[in-house]
Structures are given as structure tokens and as C-alpha cells.
Amino acid sequence: MQPSDIAALARRVQENIARVIVGKDDMLKLLLAAVIARGHVLLEDVPGTGKTVTARSLARSLDASFSRIQFTPDLLPADITGARVYRPDQGEFKFIPGPVFANILLADEINRATPRTQSALLECMEERQVTEGGVTYPLPAPFLVIATQNPVETQGTFPLPEAQLDRFLMRLTPGYPTAEEALSILGRFLREEPLRELQPVCGVEELKNAQAALPACEVAECVRAYIAALCEQTRRDERAQLGVSPRGMLALMRAAQALALIEGRGYVIPDDVQRLAVPVLAHRVIPKGYTGRSDAARQVVEDAVEAVPVPTETR
């Protein structure tokens, strides 16, 4: 699949989602980059900013199987992955798959569940499989987790551990609409529900072909060095207790490749890396004395972007 074909596909999906979601074009483009890079996405913001609707709109646009789990304090790991149940008529235990067996899983308000339940997603997100009773069950391909999260300062939440945050390719924040966008939302939802009328514009096989094209996107050695230097700078920052891991470094490169393809290019440029630095890296940085403070982590990443020299073309 050529970069121009992937760009056309992404534009088609983004325009379809924009029939429901108003004024979030940049966020939607980054969300689609995560999908093509086979990465999971954490949507973090206060309630009512369209996080769940965005996930549902994406699933409908891609014609993918979709499951939603409402995370609550009493949710158990088996409620997510499934469990072995004894069947008296067959005289044996049978595995009953949980809602995680879908192309797109919406983990709604993931930080309202206990850490034990949150950890049930670790194997699913990393290995894209579920192990139960010594038997491994592969998840459908493609598989994407879109988790929504209220800010950690909200009462009744359990902050996600670093190991879980590191498995999300991006953390995106929808934010409040502008005054003009708010009027557009009111007019759009006045007499109808746009999500109900949304139709698929991309098949699963077409998406898999776009994902398969990712490794062919060229990343020059100077750009790879730039990515490595950015991540190293976050680890050197005196304000950071924990900097970006090698997994985060690889995530930034793959996300940049996906964004380049969406832009119709077969190669990554430094602008792609800079645009993705905060969404991909900030949630992987743990500032000293600021556990749960995303603004402090964001500042560390932004300062790293400012400090590290940008590679330029040599003649």
C-alpha cells in the first residue's frame, strides 16, 4: 500500500469521524496514526469531553468489532479476559472469551478499577493474547485498546502504574470546545444523533494493509539519532525521576512513521518527531515529587525538544 493510498484512507476515516466529533482534527489525525502504528491510546480529560464518543465513532468508521467495558472498583480480571467455566453436559471446562476479544476495546474510565483489574490488560496490550489455564488464546487482528481516564485528582480513582502507562502509544487530551465549536455541537445534536447514522468507510483488511506498510517508511539515521537524543534528554533532566524507556523510544519512531504515511510521505522528517513528542513521551516521564502531575511531565518533554538540536539537511 502506497503512502498516497494510506493518506487517502486516513482522510476518509477522519472526515467520517468529524461528522460526530467537532473541532478535533489534530487529535483525530494522531489517533489514526496510533491505529496504523498498532498502538494503544489513552484519552485523558474531565468527564463529558467526548472521549467515549470518539472511540465509538472510530470503531464504526473502521467497520471493526467493538467491545466496551465500564471499569468500576468491583470489576474482576475475568470480567475482561474471560474465564474457564465447567460444562456439566460436556464433562469439561470450557473457556468463555471476555469482551477483550474484539478489534477495538474501549476501556471506559480505566482508572476507576483496582490495580489488579488494570493489570489484566497488560498481556493483552503487549502480546495481544490471553493466557488462561495454561492455554494461550490469540486476540483478533488488528487489536486496539482505547482507554479513557479522568484526571488522577478526581475522587475514587486509582492512578495507572508506570508499566501500564508505558504500554500506551499515545496519551491524547480532547479538551473543551471553543465557543464556535460549542455552537456547532449544539446545532448538530439538536434533532438527531450523528453517531447512530455513522457508516463504515474502511474495512478491517484495508486497515491491516495500511499497518503492514509501516516498516517500509524510511527513517534516516540522523532522524533516528534525534529520537534517541530526545529520549536520553528526558532521562538526564534533574526534574525527572523516571525518563523515557527504550519502549518509548521505539514508540516515538513508529508513531512518526505512521504520521508520515498519513501525510502522504514515505519518510519521516524531524517535524513529525516534534509533533509527536508530547503525546508519545509525556505520560512515560515521572517527575520527582509530582506523581500524577501530567503538566510537569509535559514540561520535561517540551524542554527536551527545545534543548536537543534538530537535524538539518546537509549539502
C-alpha atoms as a PDB file:
ATOM      1  CA  MET A   1       0.000   0.000   0.000  1.00  0.00           C
ATOM      2  CA  GLN A   2       1.475   3.336  -1.074  1.00  0.00           C
ATOM      3  CA  PRO A   3       1.718   6.402   1.207  1.00  0.00           C
ATOM      4  CA  SER A   4      -0.791   8.232  -1.000  1.00  0.00           C
ATOM      5  CA  ASP A   5      -3.302   5.406  -0.531  1.00  0.00           C
ATOM      6  CA  ILE A   6      -2.818   5.466   3.249  1.00  0.00           C
ATOM      7  CA  ALA A   7      -3.211   9.250   3.292  1.00  0.00           C
ATOM      8  CA  ALA A   8      -6.482   8.944   1.363  1.00  0.00           C
ATOM      9  CA  LEU A   9      -7.713   6.230   3.723  1.00  0.00           C
ATOM     10  CA  ALA A  10      -6.867   8.300   6.809  1.00  0.00           C
ATOM     11  CA  ARG A  11      -8.529  11.380   5.350  1.00  0.00           C
ATOM     12  CA  ARG A  12     -11.665   9.379   4.609  1.00  0.00           C
ATOM     13  CA  VAL A  13     -11.860   7.995   8.146  1.00  0.00           C
ATOM     14  CA  GLN A  14     -11.064  11.351   9.754  1.00  0.00           C
ATOM     15  CA  GLU A  15     -13.761  13.141   7.768  1.00  0.00           C
ATOM     16  CA  ASN A  16     -16.259  10.458   8.722  1.00  0.00           C
ATOM     17  CA  ILE A  17     -15.474  10.771  12.443  1.00  0.00           C
ATOM     18  CA  ALA A  18     -15.664  14.562  12.112  1.00  0.00           C
ATOM     19  CA  ARG A  19     -19.371  14.153  11.310  1.00  0.00           C
ATOM     20  CA  VAL A  20     -19.754  13.398  15.028  1.00  0.00           C
ATOM     21  CA  ILE A  21     -16.719  14.977  16.716  1.00  0.00           C
ATOM     22  CA  VAL A  22     -16.436  18.732  16.191  1.00  0.00           C
ATOM     23  CA  GLY A  23     -13.167  20.670  16.012  1.00  0.00           C
ATOM     24  CA  LYS A  24     -10.675  17.935  16.979  1.00  0.00           C
ATOM     25  CA  ASP A  25      -8.921  17.437  13.639  1.00  0.00           C
ATOM     26  CA  ASP A  26      -5.398  17.338  15.092  1.00  0.00           C
ATOM     27  CA  MET A  27      -6.368  14.845  17.788  1.00  0.00           C
ATOM     28  CA  LEU A  28      -8.139  12.622  15.245  1.00  0.00           C
ATOM     29  CA  LYS A  29      -5.081  12.609  12.984  1.00  0.00           C
ATOM     30  CA  LEU A  30      -2.866  11.499  15.870  1.00  0.00           C
ATOM     31  CA  LEU A  31      -5.447   8.869  16.842  1.00  0.00           C
ATOM     32  CA  LEU A  32      -5.354   7.437  13.321  1.00  0.00           C
ATOM     33  CA  ALA A  33      -1.547   7.463  13.407  1.00  0.00           C
ATOM     34  CA  ALA A  34      -1.727   5.326  16.545  1.00  0.00           C
ATOM     35  CA  VAL A  35      -4.115   2.905  14.815  1.00  0.00           C
ATOM     36  CA  ILE A  36      -1.783   2.479  11.824  1.00  0.00           C
ATOM     37  CA  ALA A  37       1.190   2.045  14.190  1.00  0.00           C
ATOM     38  CA  ARG A  38      -0.732  -0.717  16.040  1.00  0.00           C
ATOM     39  CA  GLY A  39      -0.544   1.335  19.222  1.00  0.00           C
ATOM     40  CA  HIS A  40      -2.979   1.777  22.089  1.00  0.00           C
ATOM     41  CA  VAL A  41      -4.344   5.179  23.049  1.00  0.00           C
ATOM     42  CA  LEU A  42      -5.175   6.764  26.395  1.00  0.00           C
ATOM     43  CA  LEU A  43      -7.752   9.568  26.198  1.00  0.00           C
ATOM     44  CA  GLU A  44      -7.451  11.650  29.347  1.00  0.00           C
ATOM     45  CA  ASP A  45      -9.677  14.557  30.277  1.00  0.00           C
ATOM     46  CA  VAL A  46     -12.534  15.547  32.540  1.00  0.00           C
ATOM     47  CA  PRO A  47     -15.906  13.810  32.000  1.00  0.00           C
ATOM     48  CA  GLY A  48     -18.093  14.937  29.127  1.00  0.00           C
ATOM     49  CA  THR A  49     -15.429  15.969  26.598  1.00  0.00           C
ATOM     50  CA  GLY A  50     -16.248  13.279  24.014  1.00  0.00           C
ATOM     51  CA  LYS A  51     -13.738  10.552  24.852  1.00  0.00           C
ATOM     52  CA  THR A  52     -16.184   7.636  24.640  1.00  0.00           C
ATOM     53  CA  VAL A  53     -17.945   9.033  21.576  1.00  0.00           C
ATOM     54  CA  THR A  54     -14.597   9.363  19.805  1.00  0.00           C
ATOM     55  CA  ALA A  55     -13.800   5.684  20.401  1.00  0.00           C
ATOM     56  CA  ARG A  56     -17.239   4.579  19.206  1.00  0.00           C
ATOM     57  CA  SER A  57     -17.001   6.758  16.100  1.00  0.00           C
ATOM     58  CA  LEU A  58     -13.622   5.256  15.213  1.00  0.00           C
ATOM     59  CA  ALA A  59     -14.917   1.692  15.572  1.00  0.00           C
ATOM     60  CA  ARG A  60     -17.928   2.392  13.353  1.00  0.00           C
ATOM     61  CA  SER A  61     -15.813   4.116  10.728  1.00  0.00           C
ATOM     62  CA  LEU A  62     -13.425   1.147  10.521  1.00  0.00           C
ATOM     63  CA  ASP A  63     -16.202  -1.498  10.434  1.00  0.00           C
ATOM     64  CA  ALA A  64     -14.346  -3.300  13.225  1.00  0.00           C
ATOM     65  CA  SER A  65     -15.696  -5.475  16.021  1.00  0.00           C
ATOM     66  CA  PHE A  66     -16.123  -3.366  19.143  1.00  0.00           C
ATOM     67  CA  SER A  67     -16.433  -4.014  22.877  1.00  0.00           C
ATOM     68  CA  ARG A  68     -16.882  -1.614  25.752  1.00  0.00           C
ATOM     69  CA  ILE A  69     -16.014  -2.274  29.383  1.00  0.00           C
ATOM     70  CA  GLN A  70     -17.085   0.134  32.089  1.00  0.00           C
ATOM     71  CA  PHE A  71     -14.310  -0.051  34.658  1.00  0.00           C
ATOM     72  CA  THR A  72     -15.533   0.055  38.256  1.00  0.00           C
ATOM     73  CA  PRO A  73     -13.897  -0.784  41.613  1.00  0.00           C
ATOM     74  CA  ASP A  74     -15.664  -4.176  41.760  1.00  0.00           C
ATOM     75  CA  LEU A  75     -14.621  -5.287  38.257  1.00  0.00           C
ATOM     76  CA  LEU A  76     -12.547  -8.504  38.197  1.00  0.00           C
ATOM     77  CA  PRO A  77      -9.827  -9.576  35.731  1.00  0.00           C
ATOM     78  CA  ALA A  78     -12.011 -12.441  34.451  1.00  0.00           C
ATOM     79  CA  ASP A  79     -14.690  -9.893  33.545  1.00  0.00           C
ATOM     80  CA  ILE A  80     -12.220  -8.550  30.960  1.00  0.00           C
ATOM     81  CA  THR A  81     -10.299 -11.549  29.644  1.00  0.00           C
ATOM     82  CA  GLY A  82     -12.864 -14.326  30.141  1.00  0.00           C
ATOM     83  CA  ALA A  83     -12.840 -17.440  32.309  1.00  0.00           C
ATOM     84  CA  ARG A  84     -12.954 -21.214  32.242  1.00  0.00           C
ATOM     85  CA  VAL A  85     -16.419 -22.494  33.074  1.00  0.00           C
ATOM     86  CA  TYR A  86     -17.347 -26.092  33.847  1.00  0.00           C
ATOM     87  CA  ARG A  87     -19.866 -27.560  31.397  1.00  0.00           C
ATOM     88  CA  PRO A  88     -21.705 -30.499  33.060  1.00  0.00           C
ATOM     89  CA  ASP A  89     -23.136 -31.650  29.724  1.00  0.00           C
ATOM     90  CA  GLN A  90     -19.651 -31.990  28.259  1.00  0.00           C
ATOM     91  CA  GLY A  91     -17.901 -33.002  31.471  1.00  0.00           C
ATOM     92  CA  GLU A  92     -15.085 -30.490  30.986  1.00  0.00           C
ATOM     93  CA  PHE A  93     -14.059 -26.882  31.468  1.00  0.00           C
ATOM     94  CA  LYS A  94     -14.612 -24.531  28.547  1.00  0.00           C
ATOM     95  CA  PHE A  95     -13.086 -21.103  28.069  1.00  0.00           C
ATOM     96  CA  ILE A  96     -15.665 -18.357  27.636  1.00  0.00           C
ATOM     97  CA  PRO A  97     -13.961 -15.363  25.926  1.00  0.00           C
ATOM     98  CA  GLY A  98     -14.370 -11.976  27.589  1.00  0.00           C
ATOM     99  CA  PRO A  99     -15.067  -8.621  25.922  1.00  0.00           C
ATOM    100  CA  VAL A 100     -11.349  -8.144  25.230  1.00  0.00           C
ATOM    101  CA  PHE A 101     -11.778 -10.396  22.184  1.00  0.00           C
ATOM    102  CA  ALA A 102     -12.588  -7.608  19.734  1.00  0.00           C
ATOM    103  CA  ASN A 103     -10.740  -5.434  17.233  1.00  0.00           C
ATOM    104  CA  ILE A 104     -11.320  -2.294  19.277  1.00  0.00           C
ATOM    105  CA  LEU A 105     -11.735  -2.417  23.049  1.00  0.00           C
ATOM    106  CA  LEU A 106     -12.997   0.676  24.842  1.00  0.00           C
ATOM    107  CA  ALA A 107     -11.764   0.597  28.439  1.00  0.00           C
ATOM    108  CA  ASP A 108     -14.024   3.320  29.793  1.00  0.00           C
ATOM    109  CA  GLU A 109     -12.736   5.151  32.896  1.00  0.00           C
ATOM    110  CA  ILE A 110      -9.897   2.673  33.288  1.00  0.00           C
ATOM    111  CA  ASN A 111      -8.561   4.387  36.405  1.00  0.00           C
ATOM    112  CA  ARG A 112     -11.734   3.608  38.361  1.00  0.00           C
ATOM    113  CA  ALA A 113     -10.788  -0.089  38.550  1.00  0.00           C
ATOM    114  CA  THR A 114      -8.329  -1.523  41.065  1.00  0.00           C
ATOM    115  CA  PRO A 115      -4.688  -2.121  40.049  1.00  0.00           C
ATOM    116  CA  ARG A 116      -5.330  -5.884  39.994  1.00  0.00           C
ATOM    117  CA  THR A 117      -8.004  -5.453  37.342  1.00  0.00           C
ATOM    118  CA  GLN A 118      -5.989  -2.887  35.400  1.00  0.00           C
ATOM    119  CA  SER A 119      -3.118  -5.364  35.160  1.00  0.00           C
ATOM    120  CA  ALA A 120      -5.382  -7.849  33.353  1.00  0.00           C
ATOM    121  CA  LEU A 121      -4.814  -5.751  30.235  1.00  0.00           C
ATOM    122  CA  LEU A 122      -1.004  -5.927  30.340  1.00  0.00           C
ATOM    123  CA  GLU A 123      -0.639  -9.206  28.441  1.00  0.00           C
ATOM    124  CA  CYS A 124      -3.453  -8.244  26.068  1.00  0.00           C
ATOM    125  CA  MET A 125      -1.839  -4.938  25.143  1.00  0.00           C
ATOM    126  CA  GLU A 126       1.735  -6.185  24.802  1.00  0.00           C
ATOM    127  CA  GLU A 127       1.456  -9.745  23.435  1.00  0.00           C
ATOM    128  CA  ARG A 128      -2.100  -9.406  22.053  1.00  0.00           C
ATOM    129  CA  GLN A 129      -3.129 -12.667  23.659  1.00  0.00           C
ATOM    130  CA  VAL A 130      -4.871 -14.049  26.738  1.00  0.00           C
ATOM    131  CA  THR A 131      -3.484 -16.925  28.794  1.00  0.00           C
ATOM    132  CA  GLU A 132      -5.978 -18.865  30.897  1.00  0.00           C
ATOM    133  CA  GLY A 133      -5.470 -22.275  32.495  1.00  0.00           C
ATOM    134  CA  GLY A 134      -2.146 -22.748  30.726  1.00  0.00           C
ATOM    135  CA  VAL A 135      -3.690 -22.198  27.294  1.00  0.00           C
ATOM    136  CA  THR A 136      -2.951 -19.122  25.174  1.00  0.00           C
ATOM    137  CA  TYR A 137      -5.710 -17.573  23.074  1.00  0.00           C
ATOM    138  CA  PRO A 138      -4.714 -15.006  20.406  1.00  0.00           C
ATOM    139  CA  LEU A 139      -6.741 -11.818  20.157  1.00  0.00           C
ATOM    140  CA  PRO A 140      -8.287 -10.705  16.857  1.00  0.00           C
ATOM    141  CA  ALA A 141      -6.095  -8.725  14.474  1.00  0.00           C
ATOM    142  CA  PRO A 142      -5.978  -5.794  14.432  1.00  0.00           C
ATOM    143  CA  PHE A 143      -6.364  -5.221  18.172  1.00  0.00           C
ATOM    144  CA  LEU A 144      -6.512  -1.751  19.705  1.00  0.00           C
ATOM    145  CA  VAL A 145      -7.239  -0.585  23.246  1.00  0.00           C
ATOM    146  CA  ILE A 146      -8.685   2.892  23.630  1.00  0.00           C
ATOM    147  CA  ALA A 147      -8.822   3.708  27.325  1.00  0.00           C
ATOM    148  CA  THR A 148     -10.486   6.773  28.771  1.00  0.00           C
ATOM    149  CA  GLN A 149      -9.335   8.236  32.037  1.00  0.00           C
ATOM    150  CA  ASN A 150     -10.462  11.005  34.324  1.00  0.00           C
ATOM    151  CA  PRO A 151      -7.656  13.112  35.803  1.00  0.00           C
ATOM    152  CA  VAL A 152      -5.985  11.363  38.726  1.00  0.00           C
ATOM    153  CA  GLU A 153      -7.015  14.169  41.060  1.00  0.00           C
ATOM    154  CA  THR A 154     -10.660  13.070  40.672  1.00  0.00           C
ATOM    155  CA  GLN A 155     -12.019  11.255  43.717  1.00  0.00           C
ATOM    156  CA  GLY A 156     -12.433   7.480  43.532  1.00  0.00           C
ATOM    157  CA  THR A 157      -9.671   6.770  41.009  1.00  0.00           C
ATOM    158  CA  PHE A 158      -6.572   4.539  41.039  1.00  0.00           C
ATOM    159  CA  PRO A 159      -3.553   6.013  39.183  1.00  0.00           C
ATOM    160  CA  LEU A 160      -2.261   3.781  36.415  1.00  0.00           C
ATOM    161  CA  PRO A 161       1.158   2.260  37.234  1.00  0.00           C
ATOM    162  CA  GLU A 162       4.166   3.168  35.117  1.00  0.00           C
ATOM    163  CA  ALA A 163       4.265  -0.283  33.466  1.00  0.00           C
ATOM    164  CA  GLN A 164       0.703   0.166  32.229  1.00  0.00           C
ATOM    165  CA  LEU A 165       1.192   3.748  31.049  1.00  0.00           C
ATOM    166  CA  ASP A 166       4.263   2.648  29.090  1.00  0.00           C
ATOM    167  CA  ARG A 167       2.098   0.323  27.009  1.00  0.00           C
ATOM    168  CA  PHE A 168       0.008   3.168  25.619  1.00  0.00           C
ATOM    169  CA  LEU A 169       1.489   4.561  22.443  1.00  0.00           C
ATOM    170  CA  MET A 170      -0.111   7.968  22.984  1.00  0.00           C
ATOM    171  CA  ARG A 171      -1.965   9.957  25.581  1.00  0.00           C
ATOM    172  CA  LEU A 172      -4.341  12.461  23.992  1.00  0.00           C
ATOM    173  CA  THR A 173      -6.452  15.162  25.604  1.00  0.00           C
ATOM    174  CA  PRO A 174      -9.636  16.200  23.738  1.00  0.00           C
ATOM    175  CA  GLY A 175     -10.092  19.446  25.699  1.00  0.00           C
ATOM    176  CA  TYR A 176     -13.092  21.746  25.860  1.00  0.00           C
ATOM    177  CA  PRO A 177     -14.560  23.150  22.618  1.00  0.00           C
ATOM    178  CA  THR A 178     -14.240  26.779  21.628  1.00  0.00           C
ATOM    179  CA  ALA A 179     -17.337  28.996  21.621  1.00  0.00           C
ATOM    180  CA  GLU A 180     -17.766  28.475  17.878  1.00  0.00           C
ATOM    181  CA  GLU A 181     -17.334  24.707  18.195  1.00  0.00           C
ATOM    182  CA  ALA A 182     -19.828  24.599  21.066  1.00  0.00           C
ATOM    183  CA  LEU A 183     -22.481  26.225  18.882  1.00  0.00           C
ATOM    184  CA  SER A 184     -21.746  23.726  16.122  1.00  0.00           C
ATOM    185  CA  ILE A 185     -22.153  20.842  18.579  1.00  0.00           C
ATOM    186  CA  LEU A 186     -25.490  22.149  19.798  1.00  0.00           C
ATOM    187  CA  GLY A 187     -26.755  22.533  16.249  1.00  0.00           C
ATOM    188  CA  ARG A 188     -25.531  19.106  15.165  1.00  0.00           C
ATOM    189  CA  PHE A 189     -27.136  17.270  18.081  1.00  0.00           C
ATOM    190  CA  LEU A 190     -30.317  19.358  18.197  1.00  0.00           C
ATOM    191  CA  ARG A 191     -32.619  16.919  16.412  1.00  0.00           C
ATOM    192  CA  GLU A 192     -30.509  13.867  15.669  1.00  0.00           C
ATOM    193  CA  GLU A 193     -27.779  11.591  16.993  1.00  0.00           C
ATOM    194  CA  PRO A 194     -24.982  11.621  14.361  1.00  0.00           C
ATOM    195  CA  LEU A 195     -23.283   8.539  15.831  1.00  0.00           C
ATOM    196  CA  ARG A 196     -26.311   6.370  15.063  1.00  0.00           C
ATOM    197  CA  GLU A 197     -26.169   7.319  11.399  1.00  0.00           C
ATOM    198  CA  LEU A 198     -22.402   6.822  11.016  1.00  0.00           C
ATOM    199  CA  GLN A 199     -21.459   4.265   8.355  1.00  0.00           C
ATOM    200  CA  PRO A 200     -18.163   2.396   7.821  1.00  0.00           C
ATOM    201  CA  VAL A 201     -15.728   3.906   5.323  1.00  0.00           C
ATOM    202  CA  CYS A 202     -12.836   1.443   5.757  1.00  0.00           C
ATOM    203  CA  GLY A 203     -12.693  -2.340   6.119  1.00  0.00           C
ATOM    204  CA  VAL A 204     -10.508  -4.300   8.510  1.00  0.00           C
ATOM    205  CA  GLU A 205      -8.455  -5.817   5.683  1.00  0.00           C
ATOM    206  CA  GLU A 206      -7.738  -2.373   4.257  1.00  0.00           C
ATOM    207  CA  LEU A 207      -6.573  -1.241   7.688  1.00  0.00           C
ATOM    208  CA  LYS A 208      -4.306  -4.285   8.032  1.00  0.00           C
ATOM    209  CA  ASN A 209      -2.736  -3.479   4.658  1.00  0.00           C
ATOM    210  CA  ALA A 210      -2.022   0.061   5.855  1.00  0.00           C
ATOM    211  CA  GLN A 211      -0.456  -1.278   9.047  1.00  0.00           C
ATOM    212  CA  ALA A 212       1.702  -3.689   7.042  1.00  0.00           C
ATOM    213  CA  ALA A 213       3.174  -0.736   5.109  1.00  0.00           C
ATOM    214  CA  LEU A 214       4.612   0.872   8.247  1.00  0.00           C
ATOM    215  CA  PRO A 215       8.088  -0.780   8.194  1.00  0.00           C
ATOM    216  CA  ALA A 216       8.662   0.485   4.652  1.00  0.00           C
ATOM    217  CA  CYS A 217       8.504   4.112   5.807  1.00  0.00           C
ATOM    218  CA  GLU A 218      12.092   5.360   5.799  1.00  0.00           C
ATOM    219  CA  VAL A 219      13.674   6.835   8.935  1.00  0.00           C
ATOM    220  CA  ALA A 220      17.064   8.380   8.167  1.00  0.00           C
ATOM    221  CA  GLU A 221      19.957   7.769  10.537  1.00  0.00           C
ATOM    222  CA  CYS A 222      20.056  11.428  11.603  1.00  0.00           C
ATOM    223  CA  VAL A 223      16.343  11.286  12.496  1.00  0.00           C
ATOM    224  CA  ARG A 224      16.873   8.082  14.477  1.00  0.00           C
ATOM    225  CA  ALA A 225      19.714   9.794  16.327  1.00  0.00           C
ATOM    226  CA  TYR A 226      17.395  12.734  17.018  1.00  0.00           C
ATOM    227  CA  ILE A 227      14.766  10.410  18.515  1.00  0.00           C
ATOM    228  CA  ALA A 228      17.357   8.710  20.713  1.00  0.00           C
ATOM    229  CA  ALA A 229      18.727  12.065  21.872  1.00  0.00           C
ATOM    230  CA  LEU A 230      15.275  13.349  22.844  1.00  0.00           C
ATOM    231  CA  CYS A 231      14.621  10.284  24.983  1.00  0.00           C
ATOM    232  CA  GLU A 232      18.081  10.475  26.547  1.00  0.00           C
ATOM    233  CA  GLN A 233      17.485  14.120  27.420  1.00  0.00           C
ATOM    234  CA  THR A 234      14.365  13.204  29.443  1.00  0.00           C
ATOM    235  CA  ARG A 235      16.455  10.753  31.469  1.00  0.00           C
ATOM    236  CA  ARG A 236      19.125  13.394  32.120  1.00  0.00           C
ATOM    237  CA  ASP A 237      16.643  16.013  33.270  1.00  0.00           C
ATOM    238  CA  GLU A 238      17.091  16.594  37.016  1.00  0.00           C
ATOM    239  CA  ARG A 239      13.338  17.055  37.423  1.00  0.00           C
ATOM    240  CA  ALA A 240      12.620  13.523  36.155  1.00  0.00           C
ATOM    241  CA  GLN A 241      12.566  10.567  38.487  1.00  0.00           C
ATOM    242  CA  LEU A 242      11.901   8.258  35.541  1.00  0.00           C
ATOM    243  CA  GLY A 243      12.656   9.141  31.918  1.00  0.00           C
ATOM    244  CA  VAL A 244      11.573   7.606  28.629  1.00  0.00           C
ATOM    245  CA  SER A 245      12.313   3.886  28.301  1.00  0.00           C
ATOM    246  CA  PRO A 246      13.566   2.080  25.165  1.00  0.00           C
ATOM    247  CA  ARG A 247       9.952   1.034  24.573  1.00  0.00           C
ATOM    248  CA  GLY A 248       9.011   4.699  24.485  1.00  0.00           C
ATOM    249  CA  MET A 249      11.830   5.435  22.051  1.00  0.00           C
ATOM    250  CA  LEU A 250      10.586   2.735  19.671  1.00  0.00           C
ATOM    251  CA  ALA A 251       7.039   4.004  20.101  1.00  0.00           C
ATOM    252  CA  LEU A 252       8.072   7.506  19.034  1.00  0.00           C
ATOM    253  CA  MET A 253       9.743   6.169  15.893  1.00  0.00           C
ATOM    254  CA  ARG A 254       6.757   4.028  14.894  1.00  0.00           C
ATOM    255  CA  ALA A 255       4.293   6.814  15.587  1.00  0.00           C
ATOM    256  CA  ALA A 256       6.407   9.156  13.435  1.00  0.00           C
ATOM    257  CA  GLN A 257       6.398   6.586  10.621  1.00  0.00           C
ATOM    258  CA  ALA A 258       2.601   6.321  10.827  1.00  0.00           C
ATOM    259  CA  LEU A 259       2.147  10.096  10.839  1.00  0.00           C
ATOM    260  CA  ALA A 260       4.417  10.407   7.813  1.00  0.00           C
ATOM    261  CA  LEU A 261       2.308   7.865   5.916  1.00  0.00           C
ATOM    262  CA  ILE A 262      -0.876   9.719   6.852  1.00  0.00           C
ATOM    263  CA  GLU A 263       0.700  12.879   5.460  1.00  0.00           C
ATOM    264  CA  GLY A 264       1.409  11.018   2.207  1.00  0.00           C
ATOM    265  CA  ARG A 265       5.168  10.668   2.707  1.00  0.00           C
ATOM    266  CA  GLY A 266       7.290   7.546   2.677  1.00  0.00           C
ATOM    267  CA  TYR A 267       9.883   9.053   5.001  1.00  0.00           C
ATOM    268  CA  VAL A 268       9.973  10.677   8.453  1.00  0.00           C
ATOM    269  CA  ILE A 269      11.060  14.270   8.987  1.00  0.00           C
ATOM    270  CA  PRO A 270      12.042  15.952  12.299  1.00  0.00           C
ATOM    271  CA  ASP A 271       8.735  17.848  12.323  1.00  0.00           C
ATOM    272  CA  ASP A 272       6.915  14.510  12.706  1.00  0.00           C
ATOM    273  CA  VAL A 273       9.025  13.682  15.747  1.00  0.00           C
ATOM    274  CA  GLN A 274       8.488  17.095  17.349  1.00  0.00           C
ATOM    275  CA  ARG A 275       4.741  16.962  16.765  1.00  0.00           C
ATOM    276  CA  LEU A 276       4.507  13.581  18.483  1.00  0.00           C
ATOM    277  CA  ALA A 277       6.985  14.138  21.313  1.00  0.00           C
ATOM    278  CA  VAL A 278       4.459  15.214  23.958  1.00  0.00           C
ATOM    279  CA  PRO A 279       1.623  12.772  23.054  1.00  0.00           C
ATOM    280  CA  VAL A 280       4.022   9.812  22.905  1.00  0.00           C
ATOM    281  CA  LEU A 281       6.581  10.626  25.613  1.00  0.00           C
ATOM    282  CA  ALA A 282       4.994  12.804  28.328  1.00  0.00           C
ATOM    283  CA  HIS A 283       2.997  10.023  30.008  1.00  0.00           C
ATOM    284  CA  ARG A 284       6.188   7.932  30.256  1.00  0.00           C
ATOM    285  CA  VAL A 285       8.024  10.582  32.289  1.00  0.00           C
ATOM    286  CA  ILE A 286       7.615  10.540  36.080  1.00  0.00           C
ATOM    287  CA  PRO A 287       8.727  13.871  37.585  1.00  0.00           C
ATOM    288  CA  LYS A 288      10.243  13.958  41.064  1.00  0.00           C
ATOM    289  CA  GLY A 289       7.670  14.788  43.691  1.00  0.00           C
ATOM    290  CA  TYR A 290       4.932  15.225  41.106  1.00  0.00           C
ATOM    291  CA  THR A 291       3.351  11.792  40.853  1.00  0.00           C
ATOM    292  CA  GLY A 292       0.231  12.106  38.727  1.00  0.00           C
ATOM    293  CA  ARG A 293       1.061  15.618  37.528  1.00  0.00           C
ATOM    294  CA  SER A 294       0.937  15.463  33.740  1.00  0.00           C
ATOM    295  CA  ASP A 295       1.787  19.148  33.350  1.00  0.00           C
ATOM    296  CA  ALA A 296       5.221  18.681  34.960  1.00  0.00           C
ATOM    297  CA  ALA A 297       5.976  15.693  32.705  1.00  0.00           C
ATOM    298  CA  ARG A 298       4.858  17.643  29.675  1.00  0.00           C
ATOM    299  CA  GLN A 299       7.271  20.431  30.591  1.00  0.00           C
ATOM    300  CA  VAL A 300      10.171  17.979  30.769  1.00  0.00           C
ATOM    301  CA  VAL A 301       9.415  16.739  27.245  1.00  0.00           C
ATOM    302  CA  GLU A 302       8.878  20.228  25.831  1.00  0.00           C
ATOM    303  CA  ASP A 303      12.191  21.370  27.298  1.00  0.00           C
ATOM    304  CA  ALA A 304      13.899  18.329  25.768  1.00  0.00           C
ATOM    305  CA  VAL A 305      12.530  19.305  22.348  1.00  0.00           C
ATOM    306  CA  GLU A 306      13.917  22.783  22.844  1.00  0.00           C
ATOM    307  CA  ALA A 307      17.314  21.574  24.078  1.00  0.00           C
ATOM    308  CA  VAL A 308      18.158  18.881  21.523  1.00  0.00           C
ATOM    309  CA  PRO A 309      19.492  20.214  18.186  1.00  0.00           C
ATOM    310  CA  VAL A 310      17.246  19.429  15.228  1.00  0.00           C
ATOM    311  CA  PRO A 311      18.954  17.573  12.370  1.00  0.00           C
ATOM    312  CA  THR A 312      19.231  19.615   9.191  1.00  0.00           C
ATOM    313  CA  GLU A 313      19.838  18.646   5.602  1.00  0.00           C
ATOM    314  CA  THR A 314      23.498  18.636   4.596  1.00  0.00           C
ATOM    315  CA  ARG A 315      24.547  19.673   1.140  1.00  0.00           C
END
